[in-house]
mmCIF file of all heavy atoms, coordinates in Angstrom:
data_MODEL
# 
_entry.id   MODEL 
# 
loop_
_atom_site.group_PDB 
_atom_site.id 
_atom_site.type_symbol 
_atom_site.label_atom_id 
_atom_site.label_alt_id 
_atom_site.label_comp_id 
_atom_site.label_asym_id 
_atom_site.label_entity_id 
_atom_site.label_seq_id 
_atom_site.pdbx_PDB_ins_code 
_atom_site.Cartn_x 
_atom_site.Cartn_y 
_atom_site.Cartn_z 
_atom_site.occupancy 
_atom_site.B_iso_or_equiv 
_atom_site.pdbx_formal_charge 
_atom_site.auth_seq_id 
_atom_site.auth_comp_id 
_atom_site.auth_asym_id 
_atom_site.auth_atom_id 
_atom_site.pdbx_PDB_model_num 
ATOM 1   N N   . PRO A 1 1  ? 8.784   -3.121  -5.248 1.00 0.00 ? 1  PRO A N   1 
ATOM 2   C CA  . PRO A 1 1  ? 7.839   -3.713  -4.295 1.00 0.00 ? 1  PRO A CA  1 
ATOM 3   C C   . PRO A 1 1  ? 7.399   -5.101  -4.738 1.00 0.00 ? 1  PRO A C   1 
ATOM 4   O O   . PRO A 1 1  ? 7.392   -5.413  -5.936 1.00 0.00 ? 1  PRO A O   1 
ATOM 5   C CB  . PRO A 1 1  ? 6.667   -2.736  -4.315 1.00 0.00 ? 1  PRO A CB  1 
ATOM 6   C CG  . PRO A 1 1  ? 6.718   -2.109  -5.682 1.00 0.00 ? 1  PRO A CG  1 
ATOM 7   C CD  . PRO A 1 1  ? 8.187   -2.008  -6.015 1.00 0.00 ? 1  PRO A CD  1 
ATOM 8   N N   . THR A 1 2  ? 7.018   -5.905  -3.783 1.00 0.00 ? 2  THR A N   1 
ATOM 9   C CA  . THR A 1 2  ? 6.465   -7.215  -4.095 1.00 0.00 ? 2  THR A CA  1 
ATOM 10  C C   . THR A 1 2  ? 5.019   -7.069  -4.561 1.00 0.00 ? 2  THR A C   1 
ATOM 11  O O   . THR A 1 2  ? 4.382   -6.033  -4.372 1.00 0.00 ? 2  THR A O   1 
ATOM 12  C CB  . THR A 1 2  ? 6.509   -8.126  -2.861 1.00 0.00 ? 2  THR A CB  1 
ATOM 13  O OG1 . THR A 1 2  ? 5.640   -7.576  -1.846 1.00 0.00 ? 2  THR A OG1 1 
ATOM 14  C CG2 . THR A 1 2  ? 7.930   -8.241  -2.318 1.00 0.00 ? 2  THR A CG2 1 
ATOM 15  N N   . GLU A 1 3  ? 4.493   -8.132  -5.153 1.00 0.00 ? 3  GLU A N   1 
ATOM 16  C CA  . GLU A 1 3  ? 3.078   -8.121  -5.535 1.00 0.00 ? 3  GLU A CA  1 
ATOM 17  C C   . GLU A 1 3  ? 2.184   -7.950  -4.315 1.00 0.00 ? 3  GLU A C   1 
ATOM 18  O O   . GLU A 1 3  ? 1.143   -7.294  -4.382 1.00 0.00 ? 3  GLU A O   1 
ATOM 19  C CB  . GLU A 1 3  ? 2.724   -9.410  -6.283 1.00 0.00 ? 3  GLU A CB  1 
ATOM 20  C CG  . GLU A 1 3  ? 3.337   -9.522  -7.672 1.00 0.00 ? 3  GLU A CG  1 
ATOM 21  C CD  . GLU A 1 3  ? 2.845   -10.742 -8.420 1.00 0.00 ? 3  GLU A CD  1 
ATOM 22  O OE1 . GLU A 1 3  ? 1.895   -11.405 -7.916 1.00 0.00 ? 3  GLU A OE1 1 
ATOM 23  O OE2 . GLU A 1 3  ? 3.384   -11.043 -9.504 1.00 0.00 ? 3  GLU A OE2 1 
ATOM 24  N N   . GLU A 1 4  ? 2.614   -8.536  -3.205 1.00 0.00 ? 4  GLU A N   1 
ATOM 25  C CA  . GLU A 1 4  ? 1.844   -8.415  -1.972 1.00 0.00 ? 4  GLU A CA  1 
ATOM 26  C C   . GLU A 1 4  ? 1.776   -6.959  -1.516 1.00 0.00 ? 4  GLU A C   1 
ATOM 27  O O   . GLU A 1 4  ? 0.718   -6.476  -1.114 1.00 0.00 ? 4  GLU A O   1 
ATOM 28  C CB  . GLU A 1 4  ? 2.466   -9.285  -0.876 1.00 0.00 ? 4  GLU A CB  1 
ATOM 29  C CG  . GLU A 1 4  ? 1.653   -9.311  0.418  1.00 0.00 ? 4  GLU A CG  1 
ATOM 30  C CD  . GLU A 1 4  ? 2.309   -10.132 1.504  1.00 0.00 ? 4  GLU A CD  1 
ATOM 31  O OE1 . GLU A 1 4  ? 3.516   -10.449 1.382  1.00 0.00 ? 4  GLU A OE1 1 
ATOM 32  O OE2 . GLU A 1 4  ? 1.631   -10.466 2.492  1.00 0.00 ? 4  GLU A OE2 1 
ATOM 33  N N   . GLN A 1 5  ? 2.905   -6.257  -1.563 1.00 0.00 ? 5  GLN A N   1 
ATOM 34  C CA  . GLN A 1 5  ? 2.910   -4.836  -1.238 1.00 0.00 ? 5  GLN A CA  1 
ATOM 35  C C   . GLN A 1 5  ? 1.962   -4.060  -2.137 1.00 0.00 ? 5  GLN A C   1 
ATOM 36  O O   . GLN A 1 5  ? 1.152   -3.258  -1.659 1.00 0.00 ? 5  GLN A O   1 
ATOM 37  C CB  . GLN A 1 5  ? 4.316   -4.238  -1.384 1.00 0.00 ? 5  GLN A CB  1 
ATOM 38  C CG  . GLN A 1 5  ? 5.276   -4.486  -0.239 1.00 0.00 ? 5  GLN A CG  1 
ATOM 39  C CD  . GLN A 1 5  ? 6.657   -3.982  -0.566 1.00 0.00 ? 5  GLN A CD  1 
ATOM 40  O OE1 . GLN A 1 5  ? 7.453   -4.678  -1.229 1.00 0.00 ? 5  GLN A OE1 1 
ATOM 41  N NE2 . GLN A 1 5  ? 6.959   -2.765  -0.161 1.00 0.00 ? 5  GLN A NE2 1 
ATOM 42  N N   . GLN A 1 6  ? 2.086   -4.269  -3.427 1.00 0.00 ? 6  GLN A N   1 
ATOM 43  C CA  . GLN A 1 6  ? 1.270   -3.534  -4.380 1.00 0.00 ? 6  GLN A CA  1 
ATOM 44  C C   . GLN A 1 6  ? -0.225  -3.763  -4.132 1.00 0.00 ? 6  GLN A C   1 
ATOM 45  O O   . GLN A 1 6  ? -1.025  -2.826  -4.113 1.00 0.00 ? 6  GLN A O   1 
ATOM 46  C CB  . GLN A 1 6  ? 1.642   -3.933  -5.813 1.00 0.00 ? 6  GLN A CB  1 
ATOM 47  C CG  . GLN A 1 6  ? 3.058   -3.517  -6.204 1.00 0.00 ? 6  GLN A CG  1 
ATOM 48  C CD  . GLN A 1 6  ? 3.437   -4.017  -7.594 1.00 0.00 ? 6  GLN A CD  1 
ATOM 49  O OE1 . GLN A 1 6  ? 2.660   -4.647  -8.281 1.00 0.00 ? 6  GLN A OE1 1 
ATOM 50  N NE2 . GLN A 1 6  ? 4.630   -3.752  -8.023 1.00 0.00 ? 6  GLN A NE2 1 
ATOM 51  N N   . THR A 1 7  ? -0.586  -5.027  -3.921 1.00 0.00 ? 7  THR A N   1 
ATOM 52  C CA  . THR A 1 7  ? -1.992  -5.354  -3.692 1.00 0.00 ? 7  THR A CA  1 
ATOM 53  C C   . THR A 1 7  ? -2.521  -4.697  -2.422 1.00 0.00 ? 7  THR A C   1 
ATOM 54  O O   . THR A 1 7  ? -3.589  -4.074  -2.423 1.00 0.00 ? 7  THR A O   1 
ATOM 55  C CB  . THR A 1 7  ? -2.178  -6.882  -3.604 1.00 0.00 ? 7  THR A CB  1 
ATOM 56  O OG1 . THR A 1 7  ? -1.771  -7.491  -4.836 1.00 0.00 ? 7  THR A OG1 1 
ATOM 57  C CG2 . THR A 1 7  ? -3.637  -7.230  -3.329 1.00 0.00 ? 7  THR A CG2 1 
ATOM 58  N N   . LEU A 1 8  ? -1.774  -4.829  -1.335 1.00 0.00 ? 8  LEU A N   1 
ATOM 59  C CA  . LEU A 1 8  ? -2.237  -4.311  -0.053 1.00 0.00 ? 8  LEU A CA  1 
ATOM 60  C C   . LEU A 1 8  ? -2.255  -2.786  -0.032 1.00 0.00 ? 8  LEU A C   1 
ATOM 61  O O   . LEU A 1 8  ? -3.218  -2.179  0.445  1.00 0.00 ? 8  LEU A O   1 
ATOM 62  C CB  . LEU A 1 8  ? -1.369  -4.838  1.084  1.00 0.00 ? 8  LEU A CB  1 
ATOM 63  C CG  . LEU A 1 8  ? -1.762  -4.382  2.499  1.00 0.00 ? 8  LEU A CG  1 
ATOM 64  C CD1 . LEU A 1 8  ? -3.215  -4.759  2.800  1.00 0.00 ? 8  LEU A CD1 1 
ATOM 65  C CD2 . LEU A 1 8  ? -0.830  -4.977  3.544  1.00 0.00 ? 8  LEU A CD2 1 
ATOM 66  N N   . TYR A 1 9  ? -1.220  -2.134  -0.530 1.00 0.00 ? 9  TYR A N   1 
ATOM 67  C CA  . TYR A 1 9  ? -1.153  -0.675  -0.471 1.00 0.00 ? 9  TYR A CA  1 
ATOM 68  C C   . TYR A 1 9  ? -2.228  -0.034  -1.346 1.00 0.00 ? 9  TYR A C   1 
ATOM 69  O O   . TYR A 1 9  ? -2.808  0.995   -0.981 1.00 0.00 ? 9  TYR A O   1 
ATOM 70  C CB  . TYR A 1 9  ? 0.239   -0.179  -0.869 1.00 0.00 ? 9  TYR A CB  1 
ATOM 71  C CG  . TYR A 1 9  ? 1.349   -0.578  0.089  1.00 0.00 ? 9  TYR A CG  1 
ATOM 72  C CD1 . TYR A 1 9  ? 1.100   -1.413  1.167  1.00 0.00 ? 9  TYR A CD1 1 
ATOM 73  C CD2 . TYR A 1 9  ? 2.645   -0.126  -0.088 1.00 0.00 ? 9  TYR A CD2 1 
ATOM 74  C CE1 . TYR A 1 9  ? 2.115   -1.796  2.041  1.00 0.00 ? 9  TYR A CE1 1 
ATOM 75  C CE2 . TYR A 1 9  ? 3.672   -0.487  0.781  1.00 0.00 ? 9  TYR A CE2 1 
ATOM 76  C CZ  . TYR A 1 9  ? 3.405   -1.339  1.829  1.00 0.00 ? 9  TYR A CZ  1 
ATOM 77  O OH  . TYR A 1 9  ? 4.413   -1.712  2.692  1.00 0.00 ? 9  TYR A OH  1 
ATOM 78  N N   . ARG A 1 10 ? -2.513  -0.648  -2.494 1.00 0.00 ? 10 ARG A N   1 
ATOM 79  C CA  . ARG A 1 10 ? -3.609  -0.156  -3.329 1.00 0.00 ? 10 ARG A CA  1 
ATOM 80  C C   . ARG A 1 10 ? -4.950  -0.374  -2.642 1.00 0.00 ? 10 ARG A C   1 
ATOM 81  O O   . ARG A 1 10 ? -5.862  0.447   -2.766 1.00 0.00 ? 10 ARG A O   1 
ATOM 82  C CB  . ARG A 1 10 ? -3.583  -0.852  -4.685 1.00 0.00 ? 10 ARG A CB  1 
ATOM 83  C CG  . ARG A 1 10 ? -2.369  -0.464  -5.547 1.00 0.00 ? 10 ARG A CG  1 
ATOM 84  C CD  . ARG A 1 10 ? -2.199  -1.393  -6.724 1.00 0.00 ? 10 ARG A CD  1 
ATOM 85  N NE  . ARG A 1 10 ? -0.994  -1.085  -7.494 1.00 0.00 ? 10 ARG A NE  1 
ATOM 86  C CZ  . ARG A 1 10 ? -0.516  -1.850  -8.460 1.00 0.00 ? 10 ARG A CZ  1 
ATOM 87  N NH1 . ARG A 1 10 ? -1.139  -3.007  -8.774 1.00 0.00 ? 10 ARG A NH1 1 
ATOM 88  N NH2 . ARG A 1 10 ? 0.589   -1.503  -9.110 1.00 0.00 ? 10 ARG A NH2 1 
ATOM 89  N N   . GLN A 1 11 ? -5.067  -1.478  -1.913 1.00 0.00 ? 11 GLN A N   1 
ATOM 90  C CA  . GLN A 1 11 ? -6.283  -1.744  -1.160 1.00 0.00 ? 11 GLN A CA  1 
ATOM 91  C C   . GLN A 1 11 ? -6.484  -0.690  -0.066 1.00 0.00 ? 11 GLN A C   1 
ATOM 92  O O   . GLN A 1 11 ? -7.618  -0.275  0.205  1.00 0.00 ? 11 GLN A O   1 
ATOM 93  C CB  . GLN A 1 11 ? -6.215  -3.145  -0.546 1.00 0.00 ? 11 GLN A CB  1 
ATOM 94  C CG  . GLN A 1 11 ? -7.564  -3.699  -0.108 1.00 0.00 ? 11 GLN A CG  1 
ATOM 95  C CD  . GLN A 1 11 ? -7.474  -5.179  0.220  1.00 0.00 ? 11 GLN A CD  1 
ATOM 96  O OE1 . GLN A 1 11 ? -6.435  -5.714  0.588  1.00 0.00 ? 11 GLN A OE1 1 
ATOM 97  N NE2 . GLN A 1 11 ? -8.593  -5.879  0.045  1.00 0.00 ? 11 GLN A NE2 1 
ATOM 98  N N   . MET A 1 12 ? -5.376  -0.274  0.559  1.00 0.00 ? 12 MET A N   1 
ATOM 99  C CA  . MET A 1 12 ? -5.456  0.783   1.568  1.00 0.00 ? 12 MET A CA  1 
ATOM 100 C C   . MET A 1 12 ? -6.034  2.062   0.974  1.00 0.00 ? 12 MET A C   1 
ATOM 101 O O   . MET A 1 12 ? -6.825  2.750   1.617  1.00 0.00 ? 12 MET A O   1 
ATOM 102 C CB  . MET A 1 12 ? -4.073  1.042   2.166  1.00 0.00 ? 12 MET A CB  1 
ATOM 103 C CG  . MET A 1 12 ? -3.566  -0.070  3.061  1.00 0.00 ? 12 MET A CG  1 
ATOM 104 S SD  . MET A 1 12 ? -1.865  0.231   3.632  1.00 0.00 ? 12 MET A SD  1 
ATOM 105 C CE  . MET A 1 12 ? -1.666  -1.150  4.796  1.00 0.00 ? 12 MET A CE  1 
ATOM 106 N N   . VAL A 1 13 ? -5.637  2.374   -0.242 1.00 0.00 ? 13 VAL A N   1 
ATOM 107 C CA  . VAL A 1 13 ? -6.196  3.534   -0.931 1.00 0.00 ? 13 VAL A CA  1 
ATOM 108 C C   . VAL A 1 13 ? -7.682  3.343   -1.173 1.00 0.00 ? 13 VAL A C   1 
ATOM 109 O O   . VAL A 1 13 ? -8.490  4.259   -0.983 1.00 0.00 ? 13 VAL A O   1 
ATOM 110 C CB  . VAL A 1 13 ? -5.439  3.800   -2.245 1.00 0.00 ? 13 VAL A CB  1 
ATOM 111 C CG1 . VAL A 1 13 ? -6.141  4.901   -3.055 1.00 0.00 ? 13 VAL A CG1 1 
ATOM 112 C CG2 . VAL A 1 13 ? -3.992  4.187   -1.961 1.00 0.00 ? 13 VAL A CG2 1 
ATOM 113 N N   . ASP A 1 14 ? -8.086  2.141   -1.573 1.00 0.00 ? 14 ASP A N   1 
ATOM 114 C CA  . ASP A 1 14 ? -9.509  1.848   -1.767 1.00 0.00 ? 14 ASP A CA  1 
ATOM 115 C C   . ASP A 1 14 ? -10.288 2.059   -0.479 1.00 0.00 ? 14 ASP A C   1 
ATOM 116 O O   . ASP A 1 14 ? -11.436 2.520   -0.506 1.00 0.00 ? 14 ASP A O   1 
ATOM 117 C CB  . ASP A 1 14 ? -9.702  0.417   -2.260 1.00 0.00 ? 14 ASP A CB  1 
ATOM 118 C CG  . ASP A 1 14 ? -9.268  0.206   -3.697 1.00 0.00 ? 14 ASP A CG  1 
ATOM 119 O OD1 . ASP A 1 14 ? -9.216  1.204   -4.454 1.00 0.00 ? 14 ASP A OD1 1 
ATOM 120 O OD2 . ASP A 1 14 ? -8.980  -0.957  -4.076 1.00 0.00 ? 14 ASP A OD2 1 
ATOM 121 N N   . TRP A 1 15 ? -9.678  1.727   0.649  1.00 0.00 ? 15 TRP A N   1 
ATOM 122 C CA  . TRP A 1 15 ? -10.355 1.875   1.942  1.00 0.00 ? 15 TRP A CA  1 
ATOM 123 C C   . TRP A 1 15 ? -10.441 3.331   2.400  1.00 0.00 ? 15 TRP A C   1 
ATOM 124 O O   . TRP A 1 15 ? -11.257 3.661   3.247  1.00 0.00 ? 15 TRP A O   1 
ATOM 125 C CB  . TRP A 1 15 ? -9.630  1.058   3.017  1.00 0.00 ? 15 TRP A CB  1 
ATOM 126 C CG  . TRP A 1 15 ? -9.745  -0.429  2.823  1.00 0.00 ? 15 TRP A CG  1 
ATOM 127 C CD1 . TRP A 1 15 ? -10.724 -1.109  2.181  1.00 0.00 ? 15 TRP A CD1 1 
ATOM 128 C CD2 . TRP A 1 15 ? -8.813  -1.409  3.293  1.00 0.00 ? 15 TRP A CD2 1 
ATOM 129 N NE1 . TRP A 1 15 ? -10.473 -2.456  2.223  1.00 0.00 ? 15 TRP A NE1 1 
ATOM 130 C CE2 . TRP A 1 15 ? -9.302  -2.676  2.898  1.00 0.00 ? 15 TRP A CE2 1 
ATOM 131 C CE3 . TRP A 1 15 ? -7.613  -1.358  4.007  1.00 0.00 ? 15 TRP A CE3 1 
ATOM 132 C CZ2 . TRP A 1 15 ? -8.636  -3.870  3.192  1.00 0.00 ? 15 TRP A CZ2 1 
ATOM 133 C CZ3 . TRP A 1 15 ? -6.954  -2.540  4.310  1.00 0.00 ? 15 TRP A CZ3 1 
ATOM 134 C CH2 . TRP A 1 15 ? -7.461  -3.778  3.896  1.00 0.00 ? 15 TRP A CH2 1 
ATOM 135 N N   . GLY A 1 16 ? -9.572  4.183   1.852  1.00 0.00 ? 16 GLY A N   1 
ATOM 136 C CA  . GLY A 1 16 ? -9.658  5.588   2.242  1.00 0.00 ? 16 GLY A CA  1 
ATOM 137 C C   . GLY A 1 16 ? -8.330  6.289   2.471  1.00 0.00 ? 16 GLY A C   1 
ATOM 138 O O   . GLY A 1 16 ? -8.308  7.492   2.752  1.00 0.00 ? 16 GLY A O   1 
ATOM 139 N N   . ALA A 1 17 ? -7.205  5.583   2.347  1.00 0.00 ? 17 ALA A N   1 
ATOM 140 C CA  . ALA A 1 17 ? -5.901  6.210   2.533  1.00 0.00 ? 17 ALA A CA  1 
ATOM 141 C C   . ALA A 1 17 ? -5.618  7.200   1.412  1.00 0.00 ? 17 ALA A C   1 
ATOM 142 O O   . ALA A 1 17 ? -5.888  6.923   0.239  1.00 0.00 ? 17 ALA A O   1 
ATOM 143 C CB  . ALA A 1 17 ? -4.798  5.159   2.607  1.00 0.00 ? 17 ALA A CB  1 
ATOM 144 N N   . ASP A 1 18 ? -5.075  8.354   1.764  1.00 0.00 ? 18 ASP A N   1 
ATOM 145 C CA  . ASP A 1 18 ? -4.669  9.350   0.776  1.00 0.00 ? 18 ASP A CA  1 
ATOM 146 C C   . ASP A 1 18 ? -3.168  9.282   0.498  1.00 0.00 ? 18 ASP A C   1 
ATOM 147 O O   . ASP A 1 18 ? -2.725  9.537   -0.619 1.00 0.00 ? 18 ASP A O   1 
ATOM 148 C CB  . ASP A 1 18 ? -5.026  10.752  1.263  1.00 0.00 ? 18 ASP A CB  1 
ATOM 149 C CG  . ASP A 1 18 ? -6.506  10.919  1.495  1.00 0.00 ? 18 ASP A CG  1 
ATOM 150 O OD1 . ASP A 1 18 ? -7.255  11.074  0.517  1.00 0.00 ? 18 ASP A OD1 1 
ATOM 151 O OD2 . ASP A 1 18 ? -6.942  10.876  2.675  1.00 0.00 ? 18 ASP A OD2 1 
ATOM 152 N N   . LEU A 1 19 ? -2.399  8.967   1.533  1.00 0.00 ? 19 LEU A N   1 
ATOM 153 C CA  . LEU A 1 19 ? -0.949  8.848   1.433  1.00 0.00 ? 19 LEU A CA  1 
ATOM 154 C C   . LEU A 1 19 ? -0.515  7.544   2.084  1.00 0.00 ? 19 LEU A C   1 
ATOM 155 O O   . LEU A 1 19 ? -0.867  7.279   3.234  1.00 0.00 ? 19 LEU A O   1 
ATOM 156 C CB  . LEU A 1 19 ? -0.256  10.019  2.137  1.00 0.00 ? 19 LEU A CB  1 
ATOM 157 C CG  . LEU A 1 19 ? -0.463  11.418  1.537  1.00 0.00 ? 19 LEU A CG  1 
ATOM 158 C CD1 . LEU A 1 19 ? -0.148  12.490  2.562  1.00 0.00 ? 19 LEU A CD1 1 
ATOM 159 C CD2 . LEU A 1 19 ? 0.388   11.596  0.301  1.00 0.00 ? 19 LEU A CD2 1 
ATOM 160 N N   . VAL A 1 20 ? 0.232   6.731   1.372  1.00 0.00 ? 20 VAL A N   1 
ATOM 161 C CA  . VAL A 1 20 ? 0.789   5.500   1.927  1.00 0.00 ? 20 VAL A CA  1 
ATOM 162 C C   . VAL A 1 20 ? 2.302   5.630   1.883  1.00 0.00 ? 20 VAL A C   1 
ATOM 163 O O   . VAL A 1 20 ? 2.906   5.691   0.812  1.00 0.00 ? 20 VAL A O   1 
ATOM 164 C CB  . VAL A 1 20 ? 0.340   4.257   1.141  1.00 0.00 ? 20 VAL A CB  1 
ATOM 165 C CG1 . VAL A 1 20 ? 0.950   2.996   1.755  1.00 0.00 ? 20 VAL A CG1 1 
ATOM 166 C CG2 . VAL A 1 20 ? -1.185  4.146   1.140  1.00 0.00 ? 20 VAL A CG2 1 
ATOM 167 N N   . PHE A 1 21 ? 2.935   5.685   3.065  1.00 0.00 ? 21 PHE A N   1 
ATOM 168 C CA  . PHE A 1 21 ? 4.383   5.826   3.189  1.00 0.00 ? 21 PHE A CA  1 
ATOM 169 C C   . PHE A 1 21 ? 4.950   4.524   3.737  1.00 0.00 ? 21 PHE A C   1 
ATOM 170 O O   . PHE A 1 21 ? 4.907   4.278   4.944  1.00 0.00 ? 21 PHE A O   1 
ATOM 171 C CB  . PHE A 1 21 ? 4.742   6.988   4.117  1.00 0.00 ? 21 PHE A CB  1 
ATOM 172 C CG  . PHE A 1 21 ? 4.385   8.351   3.582  1.00 0.00 ? 21 PHE A CG  1 
ATOM 173 C CD1 . PHE A 1 21 ? 4.063   9.380   4.447  1.00 0.00 ? 21 PHE A CD1 1 
ATOM 174 C CD2 . PHE A 1 21 ? 4.389   8.612   2.227  1.00 0.00 ? 21 PHE A CD2 1 
ATOM 175 C CE1 . PHE A 1 21 ? 3.759   10.647  3.969  1.00 0.00 ? 21 PHE A CE1 1 
ATOM 176 C CE2 . PHE A 1 21 ? 4.068   9.877   1.726  1.00 0.00 ? 21 PHE A CE2 1 
ATOM 177 C CZ  . PHE A 1 21 ? 3.762   10.898  2.605  1.00 0.00 ? 21 PHE A CZ  1 
ATOM 178 N N   . GLY A 1 22 ? 5.485   3.672   2.857  1.00 0.00 ? 22 GLY A N   1 
ATOM 179 C CA  . GLY A 1 22 ? 5.963   2.364   3.261  1.00 0.00 ? 22 GLY A CA  1 
ATOM 180 C C   . GLY A 1 22 ? 7.375   2.369   3.819  1.00 0.00 ? 22 GLY A C   1 
ATOM 181 O O   . GLY A 1 22 ? 8.161   3.291   3.601  1.00 0.00 ? 22 GLY A O   1 
ATOM 182 N N   . GLY A 1 23 ? 7.694   1.286   4.532  1.00 0.00 ? 23 GLY A N   1 
ATOM 183 C CA  . GLY A 1 23 ? 9.019   1.092   5.094  1.00 0.00 ? 23 GLY A CA  1 
ATOM 184 C C   . GLY A 1 23 ? 9.346   -0.371  5.261  1.00 0.00 ? 23 GLY A C   1 
ATOM 185 O O   . GLY A 1 23 ? 8.526   -1.239  4.975  1.00 0.00 ? 23 GLY A O   1 
ATOM 186 N N   . HIS A 1 24 ? 10.575  -0.641  5.683  1.00 0.00 ? 24 HIS A N   1 
ATOM 187 C CA  . HIS A 1 24 ? 11.136  -1.937  6.024  1.00 0.00 ? 24 HIS A CA  1 
ATOM 188 C C   . HIS A 1 24 ? 12.258  -2.419  5.113  1.00 0.00 ? 24 HIS A C   1 
ATOM 189 O O   . HIS A 1 24 ? 13.238  -2.963  5.613  1.00 0.00 ? 24 HIS A O   1 
ATOM 190 C CB  . HIS A 1 24 ? 10.086  -3.048  6.113  1.00 0.00 ? 24 HIS A CB  1 
ATOM 191 C CG  . HIS A 1 24 ? 10.706  -4.385  6.400  1.00 0.00 ? 24 HIS A CG  1 
ATOM 192 N ND1 . HIS A 1 24 ? 11.389  -4.646  7.563  1.00 0.00 ? 24 HIS A ND1 1 
ATOM 193 C CD2 . HIS A 1 24 ? 10.771  -5.535  5.666  1.00 0.00 ? 24 HIS A CD2 1 
ATOM 194 C CE1 . HIS A 1 24 ? 11.844  -5.906  7.526  1.00 0.00 ? 24 HIS A CE1 1 
ATOM 195 N NE2 . HIS A 1 24 ? 11.480  -6.456  6.399  1.00 0.00 ? 24 HIS A NE2 1 
ATOM 196 N N   . PRO A 1 25 ? 12.212  -2.246  3.778  1.00 0.00 ? 25 PRO A N   1 
ATOM 197 C CA  . PRO A 1 25 ? 13.272  -2.809  2.930  1.00 0.00 ? 25 PRO A CA  1 
ATOM 198 C C   . PRO A 1 25 ? 14.660  -2.223  3.149  1.00 0.00 ? 25 PRO A C   1 
ATOM 199 O O   . PRO A 1 25 ? 15.655  -2.786  2.672  1.00 0.00 ? 25 PRO A O   1 
ATOM 200 C CB  . PRO A 1 25 ? 12.766  -2.516  1.505  1.00 0.00 ? 25 PRO A CB  1 
ATOM 201 C CG  . PRO A 1 25 ? 11.283  -2.471  1.639  1.00 0.00 ? 25 PRO A CG  1 
ATOM 202 C CD  . PRO A 1 25 ? 11.067  -1.780  2.962  1.00 0.00 ? 25 PRO A CD  1 
# 
């Protein structure tokens, strides 16, 4: 993952996400 992915997906967890299932690559 890019740094941008890591930062944003971890932020989603901070906001309340329990599971983050990414896509696109």
